[in-house]
């Protein structure tokens, strides 16, 4: 499972989702889908824009979580 850490990055940067949407040029609805983890895909160009706006790396936003309990 892929976990999206967008909410914690926004808090750490003291930025709202609306501010990020304006900087990146995406709709608030699309960023909200990403933030809640409901997105099925993300373009690399979008990920790069988010990373530039938040001054972070892709691995700061997307994290793999092993859900196997073997």
PDB file of N, CA and C in Angstrom:
ATOM      1  N   UNK A   1       0.843  -1.171   0.000  1.00  0.00           N
ATOM      2  CA  UNK A   1       0.000   0.000   0.000  1.00  0.00           C
ATOM      3  C   UNK A   1       0.895   1.243   0.000  1.00  0.00           C
ATOM      4  N   UNK A   2       0.490   2.250  -0.730  1.00  0.00           N
ATOM      5  CA  UNK A   2       1.212   3.526  -0.776  1.00  0.00           C
ATOM      6  C   UNK A   2       0.477   4.538   0.100  1.00  0.00           C
ATOM      7  N   UNK A   3       1.193   5.124   1.036  1.00  0.00           N
ATOM      8  CA  UNK A   3       0.624   6.143   1.919  1.00  0.00           C
ATOM      9  C   UNK A   3       1.080   7.513   1.429  1.00  0.00           C
ATOM     10  N   UNK A   4       0.167   8.473   1.440  1.00  0.00           N
ATOM     11  CA  UNK A   4       0.465   9.838   1.005  1.00  0.00           C
ATOM     12  C   UNK A   4       0.625  10.710   2.243  1.00  0.00           C
ATOM     13  N   UNK A   5       1.797  11.318   2.390  1.00  0.00           N
ATOM     14  CA  UNK A   5       2.103  12.155   3.554  1.00  0.00           C
ATOM     15  C   UNK A   5       1.929  13.644   3.272  1.00  0.00           C
ATOM     16  N   UNK A   6       1.053  13.978   2.365  1.00  0.00           N
ATOM     17  CA  UNK A   6       0.894  15.376   1.978  1.00  0.00           C
ATOM     18  C   UNK A   6       0.416  16.233   3.146  1.00  0.00           C
ATOM     19  N   UNK A   7      -0.489  15.715   3.938  1.00  0.00           N
ATOM     20  CA  UNK A   7      -1.041  16.485   5.059  1.00  0.00           C
ATOM     21  C   UNK A   7       0.046  16.883   6.061  1.00  0.00           C
ATOM     22  N   UNK A   8       0.914  15.949   6.415  1.00  0.00           N
ATOM     23  CA  UNK A   8       1.961  16.266   7.393  1.00  0.00           C
ATOM     24  C   UNK A   8       2.993  17.237   6.814  1.00  0.00           C
ATOM     25  N   UNK A   9       3.271  17.124   5.515  1.00  0.00           N
ATOM     26  CA  UNK A   9       4.194  18.072   4.879  1.00  0.00           C
ATOM     27  C   UNK A   9       3.607  19.478   4.847  1.00  0.00           C
ATOM     28  N   UNK A  10       2.321  19.569   4.569  1.00  0.00           N
ATOM     29  CA  UNK A  10       1.667  20.886   4.558  1.00  0.00           C
ATOM     30  C   UNK A  10       1.720  21.519   5.938  1.00  0.00           C
ATOM     31  N   UNK A  11       1.462  20.726   6.968  1.00  0.00           N
ATOM     32  CA  UNK A  11       1.517  21.250   8.341  1.00  0.00           C
ATOM     33  C   UNK A  11       2.930  21.711   8.688  1.00  0.00           C
ATOM     34  N   UNK A  12       3.917  20.909   8.319  1.00  0.00           N
ATOM     35  CA  UNK A  12       5.305  21.260   8.619  1.00  0.00           C
ATOM     36  C   UNK A  12       5.729  22.544   7.912  1.00  0.00           C
ATOM     37  N   UNK A  13       5.165  22.792   6.725  1.00  0.00           N
ATOM     38  CA  UNK A  13       5.510  23.990   5.946  1.00  0.00           C
ATOM     39  C   UNK A  13       4.560  25.158   6.232  1.00  0.00           C
ATOM     40  N   UNK A  14       3.603  24.927   7.135  1.00  0.00           N
ATOM     41  CA  UNK A  14       2.577  25.917   7.479  1.00  0.00           C
ATOM     42  C   UNK A  14       1.900  26.446   6.210  1.00  0.00           C
ATOM     43  N   UNK A  15       1.474  25.503   5.383  1.00  0.00           N
ATOM     44  CA  UNK A  15       0.840  25.826   4.114  1.00  0.00           C
ATOM     45  C   UNK A  15      -0.513  25.128   4.047  1.00  0.00           C
ATOM     46  N   UNK A  16      -1.476  25.784   3.442  1.00  0.00           N
ATOM     47  CA  UNK A  16      -2.781  25.171   3.265  1.00  0.00           C
ATOM     48  C   UNK A  16      -2.835  24.443   1.930  1.00  0.00           C
ATOM     49  N   UNK A  17      -3.800  23.567   1.797  1.00  0.00           N
ATOM     50  CA  UNK A  17      -4.000  22.859   0.543  1.00  0.00           C
ATOM     51  C   UNK A  17      -4.351  23.843  -0.571  1.00  0.00           C
ATOM     52  N   UNK A  18      -5.080  24.874  -0.225  1.00  0.00           N
ATOM     53  CA  UNK A  18      -5.444  25.909  -1.200  1.00  0.00           C
ATOM     54  C   UNK A  18      -4.199  26.630  -1.709  1.00  0.00           C
ATOM     55  N   UNK A  19      -3.292  26.966  -0.821  1.00  0.00           N
ATOM     56  CA  UNK A  19      -2.046  27.626  -1.228  1.00  0.00           C
ATOM     57  C   UNK A  19      -1.223  26.729  -2.139  1.00  0.00           C
ATOM     58  N   UNK A  20      -1.153  25.448  -1.793  1.00  0.00           N
ATOM     59  CA  UNK A  20      -0.408  24.503  -2.626  1.00  0.00           C
ATOM     60  C   UNK A  20      -1.057  24.382  -4.002  1.00  0.00           C
ATOM     61  N   UNK A  21      -2.370  24.305  -4.041  1.00  0.00           N
ATOM     62  CA  UNK A  21      -3.090  24.203  -5.310  1.00  0.00           C
ATOM     63  C   UNK A  21      -2.776  25.398  -6.206  1.00  0.00           C
ATOM     64  N   UNK A  22      -2.730  26.582  -5.625  1.00  0.00           N
ATOM     65  CA  UNK A  22      -2.413  27.784  -6.399  1.00  0.00           C
ATOM     66  C   UNK A  22      -0.982  27.748  -6.923  1.00  0.00           C
ATOM     67  N   UNK A  23      -0.044  27.307  -6.102  1.00  0.00           N
ATOM     68  CA  UNK A  23       1.363  27.259  -6.514  1.00  0.00           C
ATOM     69  C   UNK A  23       1.604  26.220  -7.597  1.00  0.00           C
ATOM     70  N   UNK A  24       0.925  25.090  -7.489  1.00  0.00           N
ATOM     71  CA  UNK A  24       1.150  23.977  -8.402  1.00  0.00           C
ATOM     72  C   UNK A  24       0.296  24.098  -9.664  1.00  0.00           C
ATOM     73  N   UNK A  25      -0.812  24.806  -9.564  1.00  0.00           N
ATOM     74  CA  UNK A  25      -1.698  24.951 -10.707  1.00  0.00           C
ATOM     75  C   UNK A  25      -2.663  23.796 -10.880  1.00  0.00           C
ATOM     76  N   UNK A  26      -2.996  23.144  -9.782  1.00  0.00           N
ATOM     77  CA  UNK A  26      -3.978  22.067  -9.797  1.00  0.00           C
ATOM     78  C   UNK A  26      -5.241  22.515  -9.082  1.00  0.00           C
ATOM     79  N   UNK A  27      -6.317  21.796  -9.344  1.00  0.00           N
ATOM     80  CA  UNK A  27      -7.555  22.130  -8.641  1.00  0.00           C
ATOM     81  C   UNK A  27      -7.460  21.642  -7.200  1.00  0.00           C
ATOM     82  N   UNK A  28      -8.184  22.309  -6.353  1.00  0.00           N
ATOM     83  CA  UNK A  28      -8.233  21.922  -4.950  1.00  0.00           C
ATOM     84  C   UNK A  28      -8.813  20.508  -4.821  1.00  0.00           C
ATOM     85  N   UNK A  29      -9.784  20.187  -5.663  1.00  0.00           N
ATOM     86  CA  UNK A  29     -10.408  18.859  -5.628  1.00  0.00           C
ATOM     87  C   UNK A  29      -9.392  17.760  -5.934  1.00  0.00           C
ATOM     88  N   UNK A  30      -8.558  17.963  -6.948  1.00  0.00           N
ATOM     89  CA  UNK A  30      -7.567  16.951  -7.305  1.00  0.00           C
ATOM     90  C   UNK A  30      -6.522  16.779  -6.213  1.00  0.00           C
ATOM     91  N   UNK A  31      -6.083  17.858  -5.611  1.00  0.00           N
ATOM     92  CA  UNK A  31      -5.119  17.749  -4.514  1.00  0.00           C
ATOM     93  C   UNK A  31      -5.748  17.099  -3.286  1.00  0.00           C
ATOM     94  N   UNK A  32      -7.006  17.361  -3.071  1.00  0.00           N
ATOM     95  CA  UNK A  32      -7.710  16.758  -1.947  1.00  0.00           C
ATOM     96  C   UNK A  32      -7.801  15.240  -2.121  1.00  0.00           C
ATOM     97  N   UNK A  33      -8.044  14.791  -3.340  1.00  0.00           N
ATOM     98  CA  UNK A  33      -8.083  13.357  -3.626  1.00  0.00           C
ATOM     99  C   UNK A  33      -6.723  12.732  -3.334  1.00  0.00           C
ATOM    100  N   UNK A  34      -5.673  13.414  -3.719  1.00  0.00           N
ATOM    101  CA  UNK A  34      -4.321  12.917  -3.447  1.00  0.00           C
ATOM    102  C   UNK A  34      -4.050  12.895  -1.946  1.00  0.00           C
ATOM    103  N   UNK A  35      -4.407  13.963  -1.277  1.00  0.00           N
ATOM    104  CA  UNK A  35      -4.137  14.089   0.161  1.00  0.00           C
ATOM    105  C   UNK A  35      -4.841  13.010   0.970  1.00  0.00           C
ATOM    106  N   UNK A  36      -6.046  12.660   0.580  1.00  0.00           N
ATOM    107  CA  UNK A  36      -6.813  11.661   1.330  1.00  0.00           C
ATOM    108  C   UNK A  36      -6.425  10.231   0.971  1.00  0.00           C
ATOM    109  N   UNK A  37      -5.526  10.079   0.005  1.00  0.00           N
ATOM    110  CA  UNK A  37      -5.082   8.748  -0.371  1.00  0.00           C
ATOM    111  C   UNK A  37      -6.012   8.037  -1.328  1.00  0.00           C
ATOM    112  N   UNK A  38      -6.961   8.747  -1.917  1.00  0.00           N
ATOM    113  CA  UNK A  38      -7.926   8.135  -2.823  1.00  0.00           C
ATOM    114  C   UNK A  38      -7.475   8.159  -4.281  1.00  0.00           C
ATOM    115  N   UNK A  39      -6.356   8.799  -4.548  1.00  0.00           N
ATOM    116  CA  UNK A  39      -5.850   8.867  -5.925  1.00  0.00           C
ATOM    117  C   UNK A  39      -5.311   7.502  -6.336  1.00  0.00           C
ATOM    118  N   UNK A  40      -5.538   7.147  -7.590  1.00  0.00           N
ATOM    119  CA  UNK A  40      -5.037   5.878  -8.109  1.00  0.00           C
ATOM    120  C   UNK A  40      -3.711   6.057  -8.832  1.00  0.00           C
ATOM    121  N   UNK A  41      -3.397   7.290  -9.201  1.00  0.00           N
ATOM    122  CA  UNK A  41      -2.158   7.564  -9.936  1.00  0.00           C
ATOM    123  C   UNK A  41      -1.793   9.027  -9.768  1.00  0.00           C
ATOM    124  N   UNK A  42      -0.525   9.325 -10.055  1.00  0.00           N
ATOM    125  CA  UNK A  42      -0.068  10.708 -10.060  1.00  0.00           C
ATOM    126  C   UNK A  42       0.976  10.835 -11.158  1.00  0.00           C
ATOM    127  N   UNK A  43       0.896  11.889 -11.926  1.00  0.00           N
ATOM    128  CA  UNK A  43       1.884  12.123 -12.980  1.00  0.00           C
ATOM    129  C   UNK A  43       3.187  12.571 -12.339  1.00  0.00           C
ATOM    130  N   UNK A  44       4.288  12.166 -12.959  1.00  0.00           N
ATOM    131  CA  UNK A  44       5.583  12.590 -12.459  1.00  0.00           C
ATOM    132  C   UNK A  44       5.717  14.104 -12.500  1.00  0.00           C
ATOM    133  N   UNK A  45       5.147  14.737 -13.512  1.00  0.00           N
ATOM    134  CA  UNK A  45       5.240  16.197 -13.600  1.00  0.00           C
ATOM    135  C   UNK A  45       4.494  16.860 -12.442  1.00  0.00           C
ATOM    136  N   UNK A  46       3.367  16.296 -12.051  1.00  0.00           N
ATOM    137  CA  UNK A  46       2.611  16.819 -10.909  1.00  0.00           C
ATOM    138  C   UNK A  46       3.392  16.606  -9.622  1.00  0.00           C
ATOM    139  N   UNK A  47       3.956  15.424  -9.472  1.00  0.00           N
ATOM    140  CA  UNK A  47       4.757  15.118  -8.291  1.00  0.00           C
ATOM    141  C   UNK A  47       5.950  16.064  -8.198  1.00  0.00           C
ATOM    142  N   UNK A  48       6.578  16.338  -9.324  1.00  0.00           N
ATOM    143  CA  UNK A  48       7.716  17.263  -9.348  1.00  0.00           C
ATOM    144  C   UNK A  48       7.292  18.672  -8.943  1.00  0.00           C
ATOM    145  N   UNK A  49       6.138  19.122  -9.392  1.00  0.00           N
ATOM    146  CA  UNK A  49       5.645  20.453  -9.032  1.00  0.00           C
ATOM    147  C   UNK A  49       5.349  20.536  -7.539  1.00  0.00           C
ATOM    148  N   UNK A  50       4.759  19.485  -6.989  1.00  0.00           N
ATOM    149  CA  UNK A  50       4.461  19.459  -5.559  1.00  0.00           C
ATOM    150  C   UNK A  50       5.765  19.474  -4.758  1.00  0.00           C
ATOM    151  N   UNK A  51       6.737  18.676  -5.201  1.00  0.00           N
ATOM    152  CA  UNK A  51       8.036  18.643  -4.520  1.00  0.00           C
ATOM    153  C   UNK A  51       8.715  20.012  -4.549  1.00  0.00           C
ATOM    154  N   UNK A  52       8.632  20.689  -5.686  1.00  0.00           N
ATOM    155  CA  UNK A  52       9.229  22.022  -5.790  1.00  0.00           C
ATOM    156  C   UNK A  52       8.543  22.999  -4.849  1.00  0.00           C
ATOM    157  N   UNK A  53       7.220  22.943  -4.785  1.00  0.00           N
ATOM    158  CA  UNK A  53       6.464  23.862  -3.932  1.00  0.00           C
ATOM    159  C   UNK A  53       6.710  23.594  -2.448  1.00  0.00           C
ATOM    160  N   UNK A  54       6.898  22.329  -2.089  1.00  0.00           N
ATOM    161  CA  UNK A  54       7.081  21.966  -0.681  1.00  0.00           C
ATOM    162  C   UNK A  54       8.549  21.779  -0.307  1.00  0.00           C
ATOM    163  N   UNK A  55       9.456  21.945  -1.285  1.00  0.00           N
ATOM    164  CA  UNK A  55      10.882  21.765  -1.061  1.00  0.00           C
ATOM    165  C   UNK A  55      11.161  20.410  -0.410  1.00  0.00           C
ATOM    166  N   UNK A  56      10.728  19.353  -1.107  1.00  0.00           N
ATOM    167  CA  UNK A  56      10.891  18.009  -0.571  1.00  0.00           C
ATOM    168  C   UNK A  56      11.215  17.038  -1.706  1.00  0.00           C
ATOM    169  N   UNK A  57      11.379  15.793  -1.355  1.00  0.00           N
ATOM    170  CA  UNK A  57      11.638  14.730  -2.308  1.00  0.00           C
ATOM    171  C   UNK A  57      10.372  13.880  -2.471  1.00  0.00           C
ATOM    172  N   UNK A  58      10.229  13.169  -3.608  1.00  0.00           N
ATOM    173  CA  UNK A  58       9.048  12.317  -3.802  1.00  0.00           C
ATOM    174  C   UNK A  58       8.838  11.318  -2.662  1.00  0.00           C
ATOM    175  N   UNK A  59       9.932  10.805  -2.111  1.00  0.00           N
ATOM    176  CA  UNK A  59       9.832   9.863  -1.000  1.00  0.00           C
ATOM    177  C   UNK A  59       9.312  10.484   0.285  1.00  0.00           C
ATOM    178  N   UNK A  60       9.314  11.801   0.368  1.00  0.00           N
ATOM    179  CA  UNK A  60       8.718  12.479   1.523  1.00  0.00           C
ATOM    180  C   UNK A  60       7.193  12.492   1.412  1.00  0.00           C
ATOM    181  N   UNK A  61       6.694  12.421   0.185  1.00  0.00           N
ATOM    182  CA  UNK A  61       5.257  12.473  -0.064  1.00  0.00           C
ATOM    183  C   UNK A  61       4.652  11.077  -0.130  1.00  0.00           C
ATOM    184  N   UNK A  62       5.300  10.184  -0.859  1.00  0.00           N
ATOM    185  CA  UNK A  62       4.782   8.830  -1.072  1.00  0.00           C
ATOM    186  C   UNK A  62       5.647   7.824  -0.324  1.00  0.00           C
ATOM    187  N   UNK A  63       5.006   6.995   0.506  1.00  0.00           N
ATOM    188  CA  UNK A  63       5.725   6.007   1.309  1.00  0.00           C
ATOM    189  C   UNK A  63       5.049   4.650   1.152  1.00  0.00           C
ATOM    190  N   UNK A  64       5.846   3.632   0.922  1.00  0.00           N
ATOM    191  CA  UNK A  64       5.315   2.272   0.841  1.00  0.00           C
ATOM    192  C   UNK A  64       5.136   1.718   2.247  1.00  0.00           C
ATOM    193  N   UNK A  65       3.933   1.164   2.511  1.00  0.00           N
ATOM    194  CA  UNK A  65       3.635   0.560   3.798  1.00  0.00           C
ATOM    195  C   UNK A  65       3.296  -0.906   3.544  1.00  0.00           C
ATOM    196  N   UNK A  66       4.059  -1.807   4.140  1.00  0.00           N
ATOM    197  CA  UNK A  66       3.818  -3.229   3.969  1.00  0.00           C
ATOM    198  C   UNK A  66       2.611  -3.631   4.810  1.00  0.00           C
ATOM    199  N   UNK A  67       1.574  -4.117   4.166  1.00  0.00           N
ATOM    200  CA  UNK A  67       0.362  -4.509   4.871  1.00  0.00           C
ATOM    201  C   UNK A  67       0.289  -6.013   5.103  1.00  0.00           C
ATOM    202  N   UNK A  68       1.316  -6.751   4.640  1.00  0.00           N
ATOM    203  CA  UNK A  68       1.356  -8.202   4.889  1.00  0.00           C
ATOM    204  C   UNK A  68       1.713  -8.452   6.339  1.00  0.00           C
ATOM    205  N   UNK A  69       0.977  -9.315   6.974  1.00  0.00           N
ATOM    206  CA  UNK A  69       1.246  -9.626   8.382  1.00  0.00           C
ATOM    207  C   UNK A  69       1.771 -11.047   8.519  1.00  0.00           C
ATOM    208  N   UNK A  70       2.665 -11.429   7.622  1.00  0.00           N
ATOM    209  CA  UNK A  70       3.228 -12.799   7.643  1.00  0.00           C
ATOM    210  C   UNK A  70       4.122 -12.995   8.818  1.00  0.00           C
TER     211      UNK A  70
END
